[in-house]
Amino acid sequence: MSQRPPSPSDRPGTVQEALDRAVLALRAQRLAEAEGLAAGVLRSNPGNVAAAQVLGQALLLQGRAKDAEGPLTRAARRSGDPAIETLLARALADLGRGDEALERLRQAAARRPAYPLAFLELGDELRKLGRFDEAQAVFEEGIALAPDAPGLLVGLGYVRLNRNDRAGARRLFLAARAAAPQRHDAQVALAGVMVQDGDYAAAAEVYRQALQARPDDATVRISLAKCLLEMGERAAGEANLRAAAHSAAQMAGPAMTALASTAHGRFFLRPSAAAKFLGAGA
């Protein structure tokens, strides 16, 4: 459904009011509204970095990296702002221009004061490319410059996992959770290491904590279910798999795989029988 045009009383009276409304729309995932408001601010004030940032985020969240590239490039050239450079790198990566994205992220990470997200995205991109030494160096530099950024501890923890250093990864994930107890990625990462170590009871408890903040996270619920099944708690495990399968159609397959792959799960010869058992699609 198309959005109605704003009436005169709806239209923002000042640039700052328009920008504030754009930020609120972005947070509420009203992406077309955020895009329109931020673009309007940039027409009247092309150097407004905050408006360029909102516009870039709104376009990227709509999968429109090509549309985001132009305004982000202009804003980066004017401002040298690391947040804008990081968003531009994300757009370039989405467009398949990985080398350019890495260069932009290196520029953003070189800015001072340090912008932790630039280190996080640069380290993650290098890790995905298998360049673990470089990724580790980026995360370690970021942690030294921004010790209050737990996301960098999580990123370095995944590098340690890639190097099969589960003990080191666990220490980093524990440190990230201690610094930010409700941080979802730290909880999920920590629980994942616990699963690899066969510590299913501890992992299940951490997954439960993660679900308290995000009860609709079906992927985490399936992970919890697998732990419960490995512990022999079949009824609780299957209940969580049913809840995950009911949450979204695309989760039925992962739920059926989890049911069949654990030591105390169930195996069905026909996928339709497994789907019926889980109530998928009901």
Protein backbone atom coordinates (compact mmCIF):
# COMPACT_ATOMS: atom_id res chain seq x y z
CA MET A 1 0.00 0.00 0.00
CA SER A 2 1.38 3.45 -0.92
CA GLN A 3 1.83 5.95 1.84
CA ARG A 4 -0.42 9.01 1.74
CA PRO A 5 1.36 12.30 1.02
CA PRO A 6 1.85 14.42 4.10
CA SER A 7 -0.69 17.14 4.69
CA PRO A 8 0.63 20.65 5.32
CA SER A 9 0.28 20.10 9.06
CA ASP A 10 2.35 16.89 8.78
CA ARG A 11 5.26 18.48 6.98
CA PRO A 12 8.33 19.25 9.08
CA GLY A 13 8.84 22.93 9.76
CA THR A 14 12.63 22.93 10.10
CA VAL A 15 15.60 20.95 8.85
CA GLN A 16 16.24 19.63 12.35
CA GLU A 17 12.62 18.56 12.74
CA ALA A 18 12.79 16.71 9.41
CA LEU A 19 16.02 15.01 10.46
CA ASP A 20 14.56 14.01 13.83
CA ARG A 21 11.54 12.52 12.09
CA ALA A 22 13.79 10.68 9.63
CA VAL A 23 15.74 9.11 12.52
CA LEU A 24 12.50 8.02 14.23
CA ALA A 25 11.19 6.55 10.97
CA LEU A 26 14.43 4.62 10.46
CA ARG A 27 14.28 3.18 13.97
CA ALA A 28 10.67 2.14 13.35
CA GLN A 29 11.68 0.49 10.04
CA ARG A 30 9.53 2.91 8.04
CA LEU A 31 12.26 2.97 5.45
CA ALA A 32 10.51 4.83 2.61
CA GLU A 33 9.53 7.61 5.00
CA ALA A 34 13.06 7.84 6.42
CA GLU A 35 14.48 7.93 2.89
CA GLY A 36 12.16 10.75 1.80
CA LEU A 37 12.77 12.91 4.85
CA ALA A 38 16.56 12.47 4.78
CA ALA A 39 16.70 13.17 1.03
CA GLY A 40 14.72 16.36 1.61
CA VAL A 41 17.20 17.51 4.24
CA LEU A 42 20.10 16.87 1.85
CA ARG A 43 18.42 18.89 -0.91
CA SER A 44 18.36 21.93 1.35
CA ASN A 45 21.65 21.16 3.13
CA PRO A 46 23.94 18.92 1.03
CA GLY A 47 26.60 18.88 3.74
CA ASN A 48 24.36 17.42 6.44
CA VAL A 49 26.28 14.30 7.47
CA ALA A 50 23.55 12.96 9.74
CA ALA A 51 20.99 13.11 6.93
CA ALA A 52 23.38 11.31 4.57
CA GLN A 53 23.85 8.62 7.19
CA VAL A 54 20.10 8.10 7.62
CA LEU A 55 19.55 8.06 3.85
CA GLY A 56 22.36 5.55 3.34
CA GLN A 57 21.05 3.25 6.05
CA ALA A 58 17.48 3.42 4.74
CA LEU A 59 18.59 2.58 1.20
CA LEU A 60 20.89 -0.27 2.28
CA LEU A 61 18.13 -1.79 4.40
CA GLN A 62 15.93 -1.78 1.29
CA GLY A 63 18.64 -3.64 -0.66
CA ARG A 64 19.40 -0.58 -2.78
CA ALA A 65 23.18 -0.40 -2.52
CA LYS A 66 23.53 1.21 -5.96
CA ASP A 67 21.22 4.05 -4.97
CA ALA A 68 23.10 4.47 -1.68
CA GLU A 69 26.55 4.68 -3.29
CA GLY A 70 26.18 8.17 -4.79
CA PRO A 71 24.98 10.12 -1.74
CA LEU A 72 27.34 8.25 0.56
CA THR A 73 30.33 8.91 -1.72
CA ARG A 74 29.52 12.63 -1.81
CA ALA A 75 29.04 12.77 1.94
CA ALA A 76 32.29 10.88 2.58
CA ARG A 77 34.19 13.26 0.31
CA ARG A 78 32.78 16.31 2.11
CA SER A 79 33.05 15.10 5.67
CA GLY A 80 35.68 12.38 6.09
CA ASP A 81 33.26 10.97 8.64
CA PRO A 82 34.06 7.32 9.58
CA ALA A 83 30.39 6.41 10.02
CA ILE A 84 29.67 7.52 6.44
CA GLU A 85 32.79 5.75 5.15
CA THR A 86 31.71 2.54 6.88
CA LEU A 87 28.25 2.71 5.33
CA LEU A 88 29.82 3.39 1.93
CA ALA A 89 32.03 0.32 2.38
CA ARG A 90 28.93 -1.73 3.12
CA ALA A 91 27.33 -0.49 -0.10
CA LEU A 92 30.46 -1.30 -2.11
CA ALA A 93 30.63 -4.78 -0.60
CA ASP A 94 26.98 -5.36 -1.50
CA LEU A 95 27.82 -4.35 -5.07
CA GLY A 96 30.61 -6.94 -5.22
CA ARG A 97 33.44 -4.40 -5.04
CA GLY A 98 35.23 -6.00 -2.12
CA ASP A 99 38.67 -4.43 -2.59
CA GLU A 100 37.16 -0.93 -2.65
CA ALA A 101 35.12 -1.76 0.44
CA LEU A 102 38.23 -2.86 2.33
CA GLU A 103 40.04 0.34 1.36
CA ARG A 104 37.14 2.46 2.62
CA LEU A 105 37.06 0.53 5.87
CA ARG A 106 40.81 1.02 6.34
CA GLN A 107 40.29 4.77 5.87
CA ALA A 108 37.48 4.76 8.42
CA ALA A 109 39.54 2.75 10.92
CA ALA A 110 42.41 5.25 10.59
CA ARG A 111 40.22 8.15 11.78
CA ARG A 112 40.60 9.48 15.31
CA PRO A 113 38.85 9.32 17.65
CA ALA A 114 38.44 5.66 16.83
CA TYR A 115 35.14 4.51 15.34
CA PRO A 116 34.66 0.93 16.64
CA LEU A 117 32.21 -0.16 13.94
CA ALA A 118 34.85 0.45 11.27
CA PHE A 119 37.22 -1.95 13.05
CA LEU A 120 34.41 -4.48 13.49
CA GLU A 121 33.39 -4.49 9.84
CA LEU A 122 36.99 -4.47 8.58
CA GLY A 123 37.95 -7.34 10.87
CA ASP A 124 34.86 -9.32 9.89
CA GLU A 125 35.49 -8.84 6.16
CA LEU A 126 39.11 -9.97 6.53
CA ARG A 127 38.03 -12.98 8.60
CA LYS A 128 35.51 -14.02 5.95
CA LEU A 129 38.32 -13.87 3.39
CA GLY A 130 40.43 -16.20 5.56
CA ARG A 131 42.99 -13.47 6.30
CA PHE A 132 43.06 -14.31 9.99
CA ASP A 133 46.36 -12.62 10.89
CA GLU A 134 45.15 -9.32 9.45
CA ALA A 135 41.73 -9.70 11.05
CA GLN A 136 43.26 -10.39 14.46
CA ALA A 137 45.53 -7.35 14.16
CA VAL A 138 42.54 -5.13 13.27
CA PHE A 139 40.45 -6.35 16.19
CA GLU A 140 43.33 -6.05 18.64
CA GLU A 141 44.05 -2.48 17.52
CA GLY A 142 40.36 -1.63 17.82
CA ILE A 143 40.16 -3.08 21.34
CA ALA A 144 43.24 -1.10 22.38
CA LEU A 145 41.70 2.13 21.08
CA ALA A 146 38.09 1.42 22.15
CA PRO A 147 38.19 -0.96 25.14
CA ASP A 148 34.53 -0.28 25.89
CA ALA A 149 33.34 -1.79 22.59
CA PRO A 150 32.33 -5.40 23.37
CA GLY A 151 31.50 -6.12 19.73
CA LEU A 152 35.22 -6.10 19.00
CA LEU A 153 35.74 -8.81 21.63
CA VAL A 154 33.08 -10.90 19.88
CA GLY A 155 34.75 -10.33 16.51
CA LEU A 156 38.15 -11.38 17.83
CA GLY A 157 36.52 -14.40 19.46
CA TYR A 158 35.30 -15.60 16.06
CA VAL A 159 38.84 -15.25 14.68
CA ARG A 160 40.03 -17.48 17.51
CA LEU A 161 37.30 -19.99 16.64
CA ASN A 162 38.46 -19.99 13.03
CA ARG A 163 41.89 -20.94 14.38
CA ASN A 164 40.35 -23.70 16.51
CA ASP A 165 41.25 -21.88 19.72
CA ARG A 166 37.98 -22.54 21.51
CA ALA A 167 39.39 -21.72 24.94
CA GLY A 168 40.56 -18.32 23.72
CA ALA A 169 37.23 -17.71 21.99
CA ARG A 170 35.29 -18.63 25.12
CA ARG A 171 37.33 -16.17 27.21
CA LEU A 172 36.61 -13.37 24.77
CA PHE A 173 32.89 -14.14 24.53
CA LEU A 174 32.68 -14.29 28.34
CA ALA A 175 34.44 -10.91 28.54
CA ALA A 176 32.01 -9.42 26.01
CA ARG A 177 29.01 -10.75 27.95
CA ALA A 178 30.45 -9.44 31.22
CA ALA A 179 30.83 -5.99 29.66
CA ALA A 180 27.33 -6.05 28.13
CA PRO A 181 25.21 -8.80 29.76
CA GLN A 182 22.27 -8.36 27.38
CA ARG A 183 24.34 -8.33 24.20
CA HIS A 184 22.69 -10.91 21.96
CA ASP A 185 25.64 -11.71 19.71
CA ALA A 186 27.91 -12.34 22.71
CA GLN A 187 25.35 -14.70 24.26
CA VAL A 188 24.85 -16.66 21.04
CA ALA A 189 28.60 -16.87 20.37
CA LEU A 190 29.33 -18.06 23.90
CA ALA A 191 26.60 -20.70 23.75
CA GLY A 192 27.95 -21.91 20.40
CA VAL A 193 31.40 -22.54 21.89
CA MET A 194 29.82 -24.35 24.82
CA VAL A 195 27.99 -26.63 22.36
CA GLN A 196 31.26 -27.39 20.55
CA ASP A 197 32.77 -28.33 23.90
CA GLY A 198 29.80 -30.63 24.66
CA ASP A 199 28.66 -28.42 27.56
CA TYR A 200 25.00 -28.61 26.59
CA ALA A 201 23.50 -27.65 29.95
CA ALA A 202 25.52 -24.42 30.15
CA ALA A 203 24.77 -23.63 26.51
CA ALA A 204 21.05 -24.18 27.04
CA GLU A 205 21.04 -21.71 29.92
CA VAL A 206 22.77 -19.06 27.81
CA TYR A 207 20.37 -19.66 24.91
CA ARG A 208 17.45 -19.22 27.34
CA GLN A 209 18.89 -15.88 28.43
CA ALA A 210 19.21 -14.81 24.80
CA LEU A 211 15.56 -15.75 24.15
CA GLN A 212 14.37 -13.66 27.07
CA ALA A 213 15.39 -10.56 25.14
CA ARG A 214 14.42 -11.91 21.69
CA PRO A 215 11.74 -14.57 22.10
CA ASP A 216 11.00 -14.56 18.36
CA ASP A 217 14.53 -15.60 17.37
CA ALA A 218 13.71 -18.97 15.83
CA THR A 219 17.34 -19.79 15.05
CA VAL A 220 18.32 -19.48 18.71
CA ARG A 221 15.24 -21.47 19.72
CA ILE A 222 16.32 -24.32 17.44
CA SER A 223 19.80 -24.21 18.98
CA LEU A 224 18.25 -24.42 22.45
CA ALA A 225 16.11 -27.36 21.29
CA LYS A 226 19.16 -29.24 20.03
CA CYS A 227 20.87 -28.80 23.40
CA LEU A 228 17.80 -30.08 25.21
CA LEU A 229 17.57 -33.10 22.93
CA GLU A 230 21.27 -33.87 23.44
CA MET A 231 20.60 -33.74 27.20
CA GLY A 232 17.75 -36.24 26.81
CA GLU A 233 15.05 -33.64 27.54
CA ARG A 234 13.02 -34.75 24.55
CA ALA A 235 9.67 -33.17 25.42
CA ALA A 236 11.16 -29.73 26.05
CA GLY A 237 13.37 -29.97 22.97
CA GLU A 238 10.52 -30.96 20.69
CA ALA A 239 8.30 -28.21 22.12
CA ASN A 240 10.93 -25.63 21.20
CA LEU A 241 11.28 -27.09 17.71
CA ARG A 242 7.51 -26.83 17.24
CA ALA A 243 7.58 -23.22 18.39
CA ALA A 244 10.39 -22.45 15.92
CA ALA A 245 8.63 -24.24 13.05
CA HIS A 246 5.43 -22.31 13.74
CA SER A 247 7.22 -18.94 13.83
CA ALA A 248 7.97 -18.76 10.10
CA ALA A 249 7.58 -21.05 7.11
CA GLN A 250 11.30 -21.01 6.33
CA MET A 251 12.14 -22.39 9.78
CA ALA A 252 10.34 -25.71 9.23
CA GLY A 253 13.31 -27.21 7.33
CA PRO A 254 15.94 -26.31 9.96
CA ALA A 255 13.62 -27.57 12.71
CA MET A 256 13.18 -30.94 10.93
CA THR A 257 16.95 -31.21 10.39
CA ALA A 258 17.58 -30.53 14.07
CA LEU A 259 15.03 -33.16 15.07
CA ALA A 260 16.74 -35.81 12.93
CA SER A 261 20.38 -34.91 13.64
CA THR A 262 20.57 -35.06 17.45
CA ALA A 263 21.28 -38.17 19.49
CA HIS A 264 17.86 -38.19 21.16
CA GLY A 265 15.85 -36.81 18.25
CA ARG A 266 13.55 -38.57 15.82
CA PHE A 267 14.00 -39.65 12.22
CA PHE A 268 11.11 -39.78 9.75
CA LEU A 269 11.31 -41.49 6.36
CA ARG A 270 9.07 -38.86 4.80
CA PRO A 271 9.62 -35.12 5.31
CA SER A 272 5.85 -34.68 5.33
CA ALA A 273 5.66 -36.91 8.42
CA ALA A 274 8.29 -34.81 10.19
CA ALA A 275 6.45 -31.64 9.22
CA LYS A 276 3.20 -33.07 10.56
CA PHE A 277 4.91 -34.08 13.82
CA LEU A 278 6.20 -30.53 14.28
CA GLY A 279 2.93 -28.98 13.16
CA ALA A 280 4.80 -27.05 10.48
CA GLY A 281 2.48 -25.01 8.33
CA ALA A 282 -0.42 -25.48 10.72
